[in-house]
Amino acid sequence: MPDYPFDEMVEKDVSSVEEFSGGINNPRYKVTCEDGKVFTVQIVGDKFPDKIEREKINVKIMKDRGLSVPDIVKADRSHEIIEKDYLVKEYLQGKTLSQVKKELTESEVRKIYQRLGDLYTKMHSMTFERFGKIVEIGGKFKVETSFDSYRDFFLDLSSSWLDRGVNTPFEDKVPELEEWLEKNSHIFKDYIEPRLVHSDFSSRNIIIHNSGVEGIIDFDIARAGNNVFDIYRVYRHFKEEKKSEVAVNGFFETYSTDLPQNYKKQIKFYRTINPLSYIDCWKQIEDSYSEKELEETESFVHESIQKILESSFL
């Protein structure tokens, strides 16, 4: 764990610090103070220079939609205390879904995902005129980019993932992947309405307390996008087939926002290309994984790329 001066960052005497798992790009720490106050401190990685501004806007949007999200207590870009931007946030009591999902009963899983279906209905019911990053202008939330077509927005986004494939073990596959995405992204040719999406609906970003949903965290890449991009993640939360089925069914019992006609095919598409996210953050993986983990991950990504190139959604 990096030796950060957490007492100066939270401006209190600190009694303990615990690093959360999974924070490759923007590591997070649970900081407990001697007076009993608990905060989450998040270090902003170099990959996200505008994270603080985006998080402020996105947290405000989520609260407007009635979602339970942690408040930002402090946002520091001065680099006077550490040489990185960082955020101090309200700590939500509980554990992440990824930490507790093995212990949950099927009944608890169903209850949690019914609640998530309701929360994501509220989120996805907010619509925009275009796709892309959301900004606040004159007290109103708008999209600053000019993508009227989700397909165009998706290709621009996926291109940014693959651009980071330079100087990685997957560099020689980037042209083939770009060609494959261009061809198979016709799956998005029909009209898709721009909706507020979380964009990282991971089990690590759902806080569970007393077998219920305490809140949702990490909104820095929320945007106006395709609501199916959030929903496909539900299918990946559990490796156990039965619990996965219960989660998906529970979610759709309460989720009521419109979906594209071919949403099931889109879900399969997103699940197929998900390993491309490893290319997007390979630099951070190299810095944080052990030699064995790195070797296993590289092998997995190579195999996944081959499966992608052999599949078709035409």
C-alpha atoms as a PDB file:
ATOM      1  CA  MET A   1       0.000   0.000   0.000  1.00  0.00           C
ATOM      2  CA  PRO A   2       1.393   3.446  -0.921  1.00  0.00           C
ATOM      3  CA  ASP A   3       2.523   5.553   2.003  1.00  0.00           C
ATOM      4  CA  TYR A   4       0.080   8.432   1.546  1.00  0.00           C
ATOM      5  CA  PRO A   5      -0.342  11.029   4.350  1.00  0.00           C
ATOM      6  CA  PHE A   6      -4.009  10.151   4.886  1.00  0.00           C
ATOM      7  CA  ASP A   7      -4.245  12.261   8.055  1.00  0.00           C
ATOM      8  CA  GLU A   8      -3.467  15.375   6.025  1.00  0.00           C
ATOM      9  CA  MET A   9      -5.774  14.314   3.202  1.00  0.00           C
ATOM     10  CA  VAL A  10      -8.818  13.892   5.460  1.00  0.00           C
ATOM     11  CA  GLU A  11      -7.639  16.600   7.903  1.00  0.00           C
ATOM     12  CA  LYS A  12      -8.096  14.287  10.898  1.00  0.00           C
ATOM     13  CA  ASP A  13      -6.018  11.875  12.983  1.00  0.00           C
ATOM     14  CA  VAL A  14      -6.232   8.477  11.295  1.00  0.00           C
ATOM     15  CA  SER A  15      -6.378   5.169  13.181  1.00  0.00           C
ATOM     16  CA  SER A  16      -6.493   2.694  10.254  1.00  0.00           C
ATOM     17  CA  VAL A  17      -6.396   2.476   6.460  1.00  0.00           C
ATOM     18  CA  GLU A  18      -7.684  -0.403   4.325  1.00  0.00           C
ATOM     19  CA  GLU A  19      -7.300  -0.626   0.543  1.00  0.00           C
ATOM     20  CA  PHE A  20     -10.351  -1.722  -1.425  1.00  0.00           C
ATOM     21  CA  SER A  21      -9.818  -4.417  -4.029  1.00  0.00           C
ATOM     22  CA  GLY A  22     -10.244  -3.897  -7.750  1.00  0.00           C
ATOM     23  CA  GLY A  23      -9.241  -0.240  -8.057  1.00  0.00           C
ATOM     24  CA  ILE A  24      -6.729  -0.582 -10.884  1.00  0.00           C
ATOM     25  CA  ASN A  25      -7.274   2.846 -12.441  1.00  0.00           C
ATOM     26  CA  ASN A  26      -8.374   4.844  -9.396  1.00  0.00           C
ATOM     27  CA  PRO A  27      -7.431   3.030  -6.147  1.00  0.00           C
ATOM     28  CA  ARG A  28      -9.726   3.547  -3.144  1.00  0.00           C
ATOM     29  CA  TYR A  29      -9.030   3.362   0.585  1.00  0.00           C
ATOM     30  CA  LYS A  30     -11.255   3.070   3.630  1.00  0.00           C
ATOM     31  CA  VAL A  31      -9.856   5.589   6.116  1.00  0.00           C
ATOM     32  CA  THR A  32     -11.029   5.324   9.734  1.00  0.00           C
ATOM     33  CA  CYS A  33     -10.283   8.276  11.984  1.00  0.00           C
ATOM     34  CA  GLU A  34      -9.663   8.313  15.724  1.00  0.00           C
ATOM     35  CA  ASP A  35     -12.910  10.238  16.294  1.00  0.00           C
ATOM     36  CA  GLY A  36     -14.853   7.414  14.630  1.00  0.00           C
ATOM     37  CA  LYS A  37     -15.441   9.164  11.302  1.00  0.00           C
ATOM     38  CA  VAL A  38     -14.920   6.966   8.229  1.00  0.00           C
ATOM     39  CA  PHE A  39     -14.140   8.201   4.716  1.00  0.00           C
ATOM     40  CA  THR A  40     -13.341   6.762   1.332  1.00  0.00           C
ATOM     41  CA  VAL A  41     -10.228   8.301  -0.225  1.00  0.00           C
ATOM     42  CA  GLN A  42      -9.856   7.795  -3.971  1.00  0.00           C
ATOM     43  CA  ILE A  43      -6.631   8.524  -5.827  1.00  0.00           C
ATOM     44  CA  VAL A  44      -7.162   9.731  -9.386  1.00  0.00           C
ATOM     45  CA  GLY A  45      -5.082   7.872 -11.953  1.00  0.00           C
ATOM     46  CA  ASP A  46      -3.313   9.620 -14.830  1.00  0.00           C
ATOM     47  CA  LYS A  47      -5.804   8.075 -17.252  1.00  0.00           C
ATOM     48  CA  PHE A  48      -8.636  10.274 -15.909  1.00  0.00           C
ATOM     49  CA  PRO A  49      -7.452  13.913 -15.686  1.00  0.00           C
ATOM     50  CA  ASP A  50     -11.048  15.206 -15.617  1.00  0.00           C
ATOM     51  CA  LYS A  51     -12.331  12.658 -13.092  1.00  0.00           C
ATOM     52  CA  ILE A  52     -13.034  15.157 -10.301  1.00  0.00           C
ATOM     53  CA  GLU A  53     -15.152  17.447 -12.480  1.00  0.00           C
ATOM     54  CA  ARG A  54     -17.029  14.493 -13.976  1.00  0.00           C
ATOM     55  CA  GLU A  55     -17.620  12.901 -10.582  1.00  0.00           C
ATOM     56  CA  LYS A  56     -19.069  16.121  -9.167  1.00  0.00           C
ATOM     57  CA  ILE A  57     -21.522  16.415 -12.051  1.00  0.00           C
ATOM     58  CA  ASN A  58     -22.439  12.729 -12.095  1.00  0.00           C
ATOM     59  CA  VAL A  59     -23.007  12.499  -8.333  1.00  0.00           C
ATOM     60  CA  LYS A  60     -25.331  15.498  -8.582  1.00  0.00           C
ATOM     61  CA  ILE A  61     -27.236  13.852 -11.435  1.00  0.00           C
ATOM     62  CA  MET A  62     -27.567  10.557  -9.547  1.00  0.00           C
ATOM     63  CA  LYS A  63     -28.891  12.302  -6.457  1.00  0.00           C
ATOM     64  CA  ASP A  64     -31.396  14.130  -8.643  1.00  0.00           C
ATOM     65  CA  ARG A  65     -32.564  10.706  -9.865  1.00  0.00           C
ATOM     66  CA  GLY A  66     -33.118   9.553  -6.257  1.00  0.00           C
ATOM     67  CA  LEU A  67     -30.138   7.207  -6.034  1.00  0.00           C
ATOM     68  CA  SER A  68     -28.143   6.684  -2.848  1.00  0.00           C
ATOM     69  CA  VAL A  69     -24.600   7.770  -3.695  1.00  0.00           C
ATOM     70  CA  PRO A  70     -21.755   8.981  -1.456  1.00  0.00           C
ATOM     71  CA  ASP A  71     -21.237  12.740  -1.149  1.00  0.00           C
ATOM     72  CA  ILE A  72     -17.887  14.264  -2.062  1.00  0.00           C
ATOM     73  CA  VAL A  73     -16.380  15.731   1.108  1.00  0.00           C
ATOM     74  CA  LYS A  74     -13.224  17.129  -0.483  1.00  0.00           C
ATOM     75  CA  ALA A  75     -11.758  17.323  -3.988  1.00  0.00           C
ATOM     76  CA  ASP A  76      -8.068  18.251  -4.186  1.00  0.00           C
ATOM     77  CA  ARG A  77      -6.192  19.040  -7.387  1.00  0.00           C
ATOM     78  CA  SER A  78      -3.526  21.234  -5.763  1.00  0.00           C
ATOM     79  CA  HIS A  79      -0.843  18.472  -5.545  1.00  0.00           C
ATOM     80  CA  GLU A  80       0.336  20.131  -2.323  1.00  0.00           C
ATOM     81  CA  ILE A  81      -0.205  17.014  -0.189  1.00  0.00           C
ATOM     82  CA  ILE A  82       0.378  14.289  -2.799  1.00  0.00           C
ATOM     83  CA  GLU A  83       1.418  14.538  -6.444  1.00  0.00           C
ATOM     84  CA  LYS A  84      -1.971  13.308  -7.688  1.00  0.00           C
ATOM     85  CA  ASP A  85      -5.562  14.495  -7.672  1.00  0.00           C
ATOM     86  CA  TYR A  86      -7.685  12.830  -5.005  1.00  0.00           C
ATOM     87  CA  LEU A  87     -11.218  12.733  -3.655  1.00  0.00           C
ATOM     88  CA  VAL A  88     -12.421  12.299  -0.080  1.00  0.00           C
ATOM     89  CA  LYS A  89     -15.938  10.853  -0.056  1.00  0.00           C
ATOM     90  CA  GLU A  90     -18.607   9.862   2.397  1.00  0.00           C
ATOM     91  CA  TYR A  91     -18.176   6.200   3.347  1.00  0.00           C
ATOM     92  CA  LEU A  92     -21.195   3.981   2.698  1.00  0.00           C
ATOM     93  CA  GLN A  93     -21.638   1.382   5.415  1.00  0.00           C
ATOM     94  CA  GLY A  94     -21.375  -2.188   4.177  1.00  0.00           C
ATOM     95  CA  LYS A  95     -19.362  -4.281   1.750  1.00  0.00           C
ATOM     96  CA  THR A  96     -19.259  -4.516  -2.010  1.00  0.00           C
ATOM     97  CA  LEU A  97     -21.424  -7.103  -3.713  1.00  0.00           C
ATOM     98  CA  SER A  98     -18.257  -8.794  -4.991  1.00  0.00           C
ATOM     99  CA  GLN A  99     -17.167  -9.330  -1.364  1.00  0.00           C
ATOM    100  CA  VAL A 100     -20.430 -10.854  -0.137  1.00  0.00           C
ATOM    101  CA  LYS A 101     -22.021 -12.556  -3.160  1.00  0.00           C
ATOM    102  CA  LYS A 102     -20.778 -16.045  -2.233  1.00  0.00           C
ATOM    103  CA  GLU A 103     -22.501 -15.777   1.144  1.00  0.00           C
ATOM    104  CA  LEU A 104     -25.867 -14.571  -0.190  1.00  0.00           C
ATOM    105  CA  THR A 105     -28.854 -16.905  -0.354  1.00  0.00           C
ATOM    106  CA  GLU A 106     -30.898 -17.055  -3.555  1.00  0.00           C
ATOM    107  CA  SER A 107     -33.692 -15.224  -1.747  1.00  0.00           C
ATOM    108  CA  GLU A 108     -31.301 -12.393  -0.802  1.00  0.00           C
ATOM    109  CA  VAL A 109     -29.964 -12.245  -4.367  1.00  0.00           C
ATOM    110  CA  ARG A 110     -33.491 -11.871  -5.741  1.00  0.00           C
ATOM    111  CA  LYS A 111     -34.292  -9.064  -3.277  1.00  0.00           C
ATOM    112  CA  ILE A 112     -31.045  -7.200  -4.080  1.00  0.00           C
ATOM    113  CA  TYR A 113     -31.589  -7.388  -7.838  1.00  0.00           C
ATOM    114  CA  GLN A 114     -35.213  -6.340  -7.594  1.00  0.00           C
ATOM    115  CA  ARG A 115     -33.919  -3.211  -5.843  1.00  0.00           C
ATOM    116  CA  LEU A 116     -31.204  -2.730  -8.476  1.00  0.00           C
ATOM    117  CA  GLY A 117     -33.804  -3.037 -11.229  1.00  0.00           C
ATOM    118  CA  ASP A 118     -35.771  -0.238  -9.599  1.00  0.00           C
ATOM    119  CA  LEU A 119     -32.683   1.970  -9.130  1.00  0.00           C
ATOM    120  CA  TYR A 120     -31.491   1.494 -12.691  1.00  0.00           C
ATOM    121  CA  THR A 121     -34.980   2.246 -13.987  1.00  0.00           C
ATOM    122  CA  LYS A 122     -34.715   5.647 -12.278  1.00  0.00           C
ATOM    123  CA  MET A 123     -31.255   6.214 -13.741  1.00  0.00           C
ATOM    124  CA  HIS A 124     -32.076   5.104 -17.280  1.00  0.00           C
ATOM    125  CA  SER A 125     -35.300   7.103 -17.411  1.00  0.00           C
ATOM    126  CA  MET A 126     -33.228  10.287 -17.813  1.00  0.00           C
ATOM    127  CA  THR A 127     -32.812  10.946 -21.536  1.00  0.00           C
ATOM    128  CA  PHE A 128     -30.713  13.295 -23.656  1.00  0.00           C
ATOM    129  CA  GLU A 129     -30.588  14.513 -27.240  1.00  0.00           C
ATOM    130  CA  ARG A 130     -27.159  13.032 -28.011  1.00  0.00           C
ATOM    131  CA  PHE A 131     -24.633  10.468 -26.771  1.00  0.00           C
ATOM    132  CA  GLY A 132     -21.490  11.270 -24.801  1.00  0.00           C
ATOM    133  CA  LYS A 133     -20.079  12.997 -21.745  1.00  0.00           C
ATOM    134  CA  ILE A 134     -22.519  15.015 -19.642  1.00  0.00           C
ATOM    135  CA  VAL A 135     -21.798  18.594 -18.578  1.00  0.00           C
ATOM    136  CA  GLU A 136     -23.712  21.132 -16.514  1.00  0.00           C
ATOM    137  CA  ILE A 137     -24.512  24.426 -18.221  1.00  0.00           C
ATOM    138  CA  GLY A 138     -26.671  27.029 -16.519  1.00  0.00           C
ATOM    139  CA  GLY A 139     -27.901  24.503 -13.979  1.00  0.00           C
ATOM    140  CA  LYS A 140     -29.000  22.063 -16.693  1.00  0.00           C
ATOM    141  CA  PHE A 141     -27.385  18.776 -17.681  1.00  0.00           C
ATOM    142  CA  LYS A 142     -26.455  18.480 -21.332  1.00  0.00           C
ATOM    143  CA  VAL A 143     -24.244  16.369 -23.576  1.00  0.00           C
ATOM    144  CA  GLU A 144     -21.263  18.253 -24.988  1.00  0.00           C
ATOM    145  CA  THR A 145     -20.455  15.860 -27.855  1.00  0.00           C
ATOM    146  CA  SER A 146     -22.157  15.654 -31.242  1.00  0.00           C
ATOM    147  CA  PHE A 147     -22.938  11.928 -31.528  1.00  0.00           C
ATOM    148  CA  ASP A 148     -26.531  11.576 -32.728  1.00  0.00           C
ATOM    149  CA  SER A 149     -25.990   7.887 -33.529  1.00  0.00           C
ATOM    150  CA  TYR A 150     -25.115   5.367 -30.843  1.00  0.00           C
ATOM    151  CA  ARG A 151     -23.159   3.350 -33.400  1.00  0.00           C
ATOM    152  CA  ASP A 152     -20.917   6.363 -34.124  1.00  0.00           C
ATOM    153  CA  PHE A 153     -20.487   6.999 -30.406  1.00  0.00           C
ATOM    154  CA  PHE A 154     -19.676   3.358 -29.735  1.00  0.00           C
ATOM    155  CA  LEU A 155     -17.064   3.191 -32.501  1.00  0.00           C
ATOM    156  CA  ASP A 156     -15.392   6.339 -31.168  1.00  0.00           C
ATOM    157  CA  LEU A 157     -15.400   4.889 -27.638  1.00  0.00           C
ATOM    158  CA  SER A 158     -14.084   1.484 -28.697  1.00  0.00           C
ATOM    159  CA  SER A 159     -11.388   3.190 -30.780  1.00  0.00           C
ATOM    160  CA  SER A 160     -10.135   4.902 -27.612  1.00  0.00           C
ATOM    161  CA  TRP A 161      -9.924   1.469 -25.911  1.00  0.00           C
ATOM    162  CA  LEU A 162      -7.872   0.035 -28.753  1.00  0.00           C
ATOM    163  CA  ASP A 163      -5.647   3.123 -29.058  1.00  0.00           C
ATOM    164  CA  ARG A 164      -4.218   2.066 -25.700  1.00  0.00           C
ATOM    165  CA  GLY A 165      -3.216  -1.245 -27.270  1.00  0.00           C
ATOM    166  CA  VAL A 166      -0.026   0.357 -28.584  1.00  0.00           C
ATOM    167  CA  ASN A 167       3.048  -1.107 -26.853  1.00  0.00           C
ATOM    168  CA  THR A 168       1.029  -3.960 -25.366  1.00  0.00           C
ATOM    169  CA  PRO A 169       1.162  -7.699 -26.192  1.00  0.00           C
ATOM    170  CA  PHE A 170      -2.000  -7.202 -28.278  1.00  0.00           C
ATOM    171  CA  GLU A 171      -0.769  -4.414 -30.548  1.00  0.00           C
ATOM    172  CA  ASP A 172      -0.669  -6.538 -33.711  1.00  0.00           C
ATOM    173  CA  LYS A 173      -4.346  -7.492 -33.265  1.00  0.00           C
ATOM    174  CA  VAL A 174      -5.649  -3.924 -33.043  1.00  0.00           C
ATOM    175  CA  PRO A 175      -6.228  -3.409 -36.817  1.00  0.00           C
ATOM    176  CA  GLU A 176      -8.205  -6.672 -37.047  1.00  0.00           C
ATOM    177  CA  LEU A 177     -10.266  -5.733 -33.996  1.00  0.00           C
ATOM    178  CA  GLU A 178     -11.003  -2.277 -35.410  1.00  0.00           C
ATOM    179  CA  GLU A 179     -12.208  -3.848 -38.656  1.00  0.00           C
ATOM    180  CA  TRP A 180     -14.325  -6.394 -36.752  1.00  0.00           C
ATOM    181  CA  LEU A 181     -15.954  -3.685 -34.609  1.00  0.00           C
ATOM    182  CA  GLU A 182     -16.692  -1.504 -37.635  1.00  0.00           C
ATOM    183  CA  LYS A 183     -18.439  -4.429 -39.346  1.00  0.00           C
ATOM    184  CA  ASN A 184     -20.295  -5.929 -36.386  1.00  0.00           C
ATOM    185  CA  SER A 185     -21.395  -2.632 -34.812  1.00  0.00           C
ATOM    186  CA  HIS A 186     -24.235  -2.666 -37.355  1.00  0.00           C
ATOM    187  CA  ILE A 187     -26.036  -4.380 -34.490  1.00  0.00           C
ATOM    188  CA  PHE A 188     -26.662  -0.775 -33.330  1.00  0.00           C
ATOM    189  CA  LYS A 189     -28.059   0.467 -36.661  1.00  0.00           C
ATOM    190  CA  ASP A 190     -31.614   0.818 -35.283  1.00  0.00           C
ATOM    191  CA  TYR A 191     -32.565   3.887 -33.231  1.00  0.00           C
ATOM    192  CA  ILE A 192     -31.315   3.865 -29.635  1.00  0.00           C
ATOM    193  CA  GLU A 193     -32.397   6.639 -27.252  1.00  0.00           C
ATOM    194  CA  PRO A 194     -29.551   8.344 -25.322  1.00  0.00           C
ATOM    195  CA  ARG A 195     -30.052   7.549 -21.631  1.00  0.00           C
ATOM    196  CA  LEU A 196     -28.131   8.197 -18.437  1.00  0.00           C
ATOM    197  CA  VAL A 197     -25.970   5.103 -17.838  1.00  0.00           C
ATOM    198  CA  HIS A 198     -23.526   4.239 -15.074  1.00  0.00           C
ATOM    199  CA  SER A 199     -21.151   2.523 -17.576  1.00  0.00           C
ATOM    200  CA  ASP A 200     -19.428   0.419 -14.884  1.00  0.00           C
ATOM    201  CA  PHE A 201     -22.196  -1.712 -13.369  1.00  0.00           C
ATOM    202  CA  SER A 202     -19.672  -3.986 -11.665  1.00  0.00           C
ATOM    203  CA  SER A 203     -20.371  -5.981  -8.505  1.00  0.00           C
ATOM    204  CA  ARG A 204     -17.514  -3.960  -6.975  1.00  0.00           C
ATOM    205  CA  ASN A 205     -19.573  -0.783  -7.362  1.00  0.00           C
ATOM    206  CA  ILE A 206     -22.669  -1.990  -5.491  1.00  0.00           C
ATOM    207  CA  ILE A 207     -22.605  -1.564  -1.700  1.00  0.00           C
ATOM    208  CA  ILE A 208     -24.557  -4.150   0.310  1.00  0.00           C
ATOM    209  CA  HIS A 209     -25.544  -3.734   3.969  1.00  0.00           C
ATOM    210  CA  ASN A 210     -27.788  -6.110   5.935  1.00  0.00           C
ATOM    211  CA  SER A 211     -28.527  -8.006   2.706  1.00  0.00           C
ATOM    212  CA  GLY A 212     -29.877  -4.862   1.033  1.00  0.00           C
ATOM    213  CA  VAL A 213     -28.544  -2.270  -1.408  1.00  0.00           C
ATOM    214  CA  GLU A 214     -26.961   0.561   0.570  1.00  0.00           C
ATOM    215  CA  GLY A 215     -25.840   2.501  -2.505  1.00  0.00           C
ATOM    216  CA  ILE A 216     -23.955   2.592  -5.786  1.00  0.00           C
ATOM    217  CA  ILE A 217     -20.479   4.063  -6.221  1.00  0.00           C
ATOM    218  CA  ASP A 218     -17.968   5.192  -8.890  1.00  0.00           C
ATOM    219  CA  PHE A 219     -19.853   7.380 -11.348  1.00  0.00           C
ATOM    220  CA  ASP A 220     -16.850   8.971 -13.018  1.00  0.00           C
ATOM    221  CA  ILE A 221     -17.592   7.407 -16.424  1.00  0.00           C
ATOM    222  CA  ALA A 222     -21.369   7.856 -16.321  1.00  0.00           C
ATOM    223  CA  ARG A 223     -22.588   9.237 -19.648  1.00  0.00           C
ATOM    224  CA  ALA A 224     -25.483   9.456 -22.058  1.00  0.00           C
ATOM    225  CA  GLY A 225     -25.376   6.041 -23.669  1.00  0.00           C
ATOM    226  CA  ASN A 226     -27.186   2.779 -24.347  1.00  0.00           C
ATOM    227  CA  ASN A 227     -28.938   1.364 -21.267  1.00  0.00           C
ATOM    228  CA  VAL A 228     -28.175  -2.175 -22.494  1.00  0.00           C
ATOM    229  CA  PHE A 229     -24.482  -1.444 -21.783  1.00  0.00           C
ATOM    230  CA  ASP A 230     -25.335  -1.329 -18.060  1.00  0.00           C
ATOM    231  CA  ILE A 231     -27.723  -4.266 -18.119  1.00  0.00           C
ATOM    232  CA  TYR A 232     -25.365  -6.767 -19.753  1.00  0.00           C
ATOM    233  CA  ARG A 233     -23.172  -6.598 -16.644  1.00  0.00           C
ATOM    234  CA  VAL A 234     -25.947  -8.208 -14.574  1.00  0.00           C
ATOM    235  CA  TYR A 235     -25.269 -11.434 -16.483  1.00  0.00           C
ATOM    236  CA  ARG A 236     -21.619 -11.382 -15.326  1.00  0.00           C
ATOM    237  CA  HIS A 237     -22.016 -10.797 -11.583  1.00  0.00           C
ATOM    238  CA  PHE A 238     -22.293 -14.481 -10.572  1.00  0.00           C
ATOM    239  CA  LYS A 239     -20.348 -17.506 -11.789  1.00  0.00           C
ATOM    240  CA  GLU A 240     -22.898 -19.807 -10.160  1.00  0.00           C
ATOM    241  CA  GLU A 241     -25.516 -20.510 -12.821  1.00  0.00           C
ATOM    242  CA  LYS A 242     -28.486 -20.639 -10.437  1.00  0.00           C
ATOM    243  CA  LYS A 243     -27.644 -17.389  -8.647  1.00  0.00           C
ATOM    244  CA  SER A 244     -26.997 -15.697 -11.982  1.00  0.00           C
ATOM    245  CA  GLU A 245     -30.438 -16.773 -13.199  1.00  0.00           C
ATOM    246  CA  VAL A 246     -32.065 -15.496  -9.991  1.00  0.00           C
ATOM    247  CA  ALA A 247     -30.217 -12.157 -10.305  1.00  0.00           C
ATOM    248  CA  VAL A 248     -31.250 -11.606 -13.931  1.00  0.00           C
ATOM    249  CA  ASN A 249     -34.878 -12.585 -13.265  1.00  0.00           C
ATOM    250  CA  GLY A 250     -35.027 -10.405 -10.135  1.00  0.00           C
ATOM    251  CA  PHE A 251     -33.622  -7.420 -12.016  1.00  0.00           C
ATOM    252  CA  PHE A 252     -36.147  -7.681 -14.842  1.00  0.00           C
ATOM    253  CA  GLU A 253     -39.041  -8.077 -12.394  1.00  0.00           C
ATOM    254  CA  THR A 254     -38.661  -4.389 -11.493  1.00  0.00           C
ATOM    255  CA  TYR A 255     -36.755  -2.866 -14.425  1.00  0.00           C
ATOM    256  CA  SER A 256     -39.254  -0.996 -16.597  1.00  0.00           C
ATOM    257  CA  THR A 257     -37.321   1.313 -18.952  1.00  0.00           C
ATOM    258  CA  ASP A 258     -37.694   0.661 -22.674  1.00  0.00           C
ATOM    259  CA  LEU A 259     -35.063  -1.533 -24.317  1.00  0.00           C
ATOM    260  CA  PRO A 260     -34.066  -1.828 -27.994  1.00  0.00           C
ATOM    261  CA  GLN A 261     -35.904  -4.589 -29.857  1.00  0.00           C
ATOM    262  CA  ASN A 262     -32.708  -6.616 -30.282  1.00  0.00           C
ATOM    263  CA  TYR A 263     -31.431  -6.014 -26.748  1.00  0.00           C
ATOM    264  CA  LYS A 264     -30.693  -9.720 -26.136  1.00  0.00           C
ATOM    265  CA  LYS A 265     -28.407  -9.782 -29.160  1.00  0.00           C
ATOM    266  CA  GLN A 266     -26.764  -6.565 -27.935  1.00  0.00           C
ATOM    267  CA  ILE A 267     -26.189  -8.159 -24.518  1.00  0.00           C
ATOM    268  CA  LYS A 268     -24.411 -11.078 -26.219  1.00  0.00           C
ATOM    269  CA  PHE A 269     -22.328  -8.588 -28.243  1.00  0.00           C
ATOM    270  CA  TYR A 270     -21.216  -6.658 -25.150  1.00  0.00           C
ATOM    271  CA  ARG A 271     -20.378  -9.862 -23.294  1.00  0.00           C
ATOM    272  CA  THR A 272     -18.307 -11.037 -26.248  1.00  0.00           C
ATOM    273  CA  ILE A 273     -16.210  -7.868 -26.472  1.00  0.00           C
ATOM    274  CA  ASN A 274     -15.854  -7.319 -22.713  1.00  0.00           C
ATOM    275  CA  PRO A 275     -12.217  -8.615 -22.637  1.00  0.00           C
ATOM    276  CA  LEU A 276     -11.204  -5.579 -24.722  1.00  0.00           C
ATOM    277  CA  SER A 277     -11.387  -3.656 -21.439  1.00  0.00           C
ATOM    278  CA  TYR A 278      -8.118  -5.370 -20.478  1.00  0.00           C
ATOM    279  CA  ILE A 279      -6.415  -3.706 -23.434  1.00  0.00           C
ATOM    280  CA  ASP A 280      -7.842  -0.370 -22.353  1.00  0.00           C
ATOM    281  CA  CYS A 281      -6.207  -0.615 -18.907  1.00  0.00           C
ATOM    282  CA  TRP A 282      -3.213  -2.839 -19.679  1.00  0.00           C
ATOM    283  CA  LYS A 283      -0.692  -0.278 -18.400  1.00  0.00           C
ATOM    284  CA  GLN A 284      -2.381  -0.240 -14.998  1.00  0.00           C
ATOM    285  CA  ILE A 285      -2.563  -4.056 -15.013  1.00  0.00           C
ATOM    286  CA  GLU A 286       1.179  -4.329 -15.679  1.00  0.00           C
ATOM    287  CA  ASP A 287       1.843  -2.030 -12.730  1.00  0.00           C
ATOM    288  CA  SER A 288      -0.390  -3.847 -10.258  1.00  0.00           C
ATOM    289  CA  TYR A 289      -0.527  -7.569 -11.159  1.00  0.00           C
ATOM    290  CA  SER A 290       1.974 -10.197 -10.065  1.00  0.00           C
ATOM    291  CA  GLU A 291       4.057 -11.906 -12.750  1.00  0.00           C
ATOM    292  CA  LYS A 292       1.841 -14.991 -12.617  1.00  0.00           C
ATOM    293  CA  GLU A 293      -1.395 -12.954 -12.742  1.00  0.00           C
ATOM    294  CA  LEU A 294      -0.033 -10.971 -15.671  1.00  0.00           C
ATOM    295  CA  GLU A 295       0.883 -14.112 -17.587  1.00  0.00           C
ATOM    296  CA  GLU A 296      -2.557 -15.673 -16.983  1.00  0.00           C
ATOM    297  CA  THR A 297      -4.368 -12.469 -17.945  1.00  0.00           C
ATOM    298  CA  GLU A 298      -2.349 -12.044 -21.128  1.00  0.00           C
ATOM    299  CA  SER A 299      -3.176 -15.609 -22.164  1.00  0.00           C
ATOM    300  CA  PHE A 300      -6.881 -15.047 -21.401  1.00  0.00           C
ATOM    301  CA  VAL A 301      -6.992 -11.833 -23.453  1.00  0.00           C
ATOM    302  CA  HIS A 302      -5.257 -13.468 -26.442  1.00  0.00           C
ATOM    303  CA  GLU A 303      -7.781 -16.337 -26.357  1.00  0.00           C
ATOM    304  CA  SER A 304     -10.663 -13.884 -26.014  1.00  0.00           C
ATOM    305  CA  ILE A 305      -9.466 -11.789 -28.956  1.00  0.00           C
ATOM    306  CA  GLN A 306      -9.412 -14.913 -31.116  1.00  0.00           C
ATOM    307  CA  LYS A 307     -12.977 -15.759 -30.066  1.00  0.00           C
ATOM    308  CA  ILE A 308     -14.091 -12.221 -30.887  1.00  0.00           C
ATOM    309  CA  LEU A 309     -12.540 -12.341 -34.355  1.00  0.00           C
ATOM    310  CA  GLU A 310     -14.169 -15.723 -35.040  1.00  0.00           C
ATOM    311  CA  SER A 311     -17.660 -14.536 -34.013  1.00  0.00           C
ATOM    312  CA  SER A 312     -20.199 -12.566 -36.016  1.00  0.00           C
ATOM    313  CA  PHE A 313     -23.224 -10.382 -35.241  1.00  0.00           C
ATOM    314  CA  LEU A 314     -24.237  -9.610 -38.837  1.00  0.00           C
END
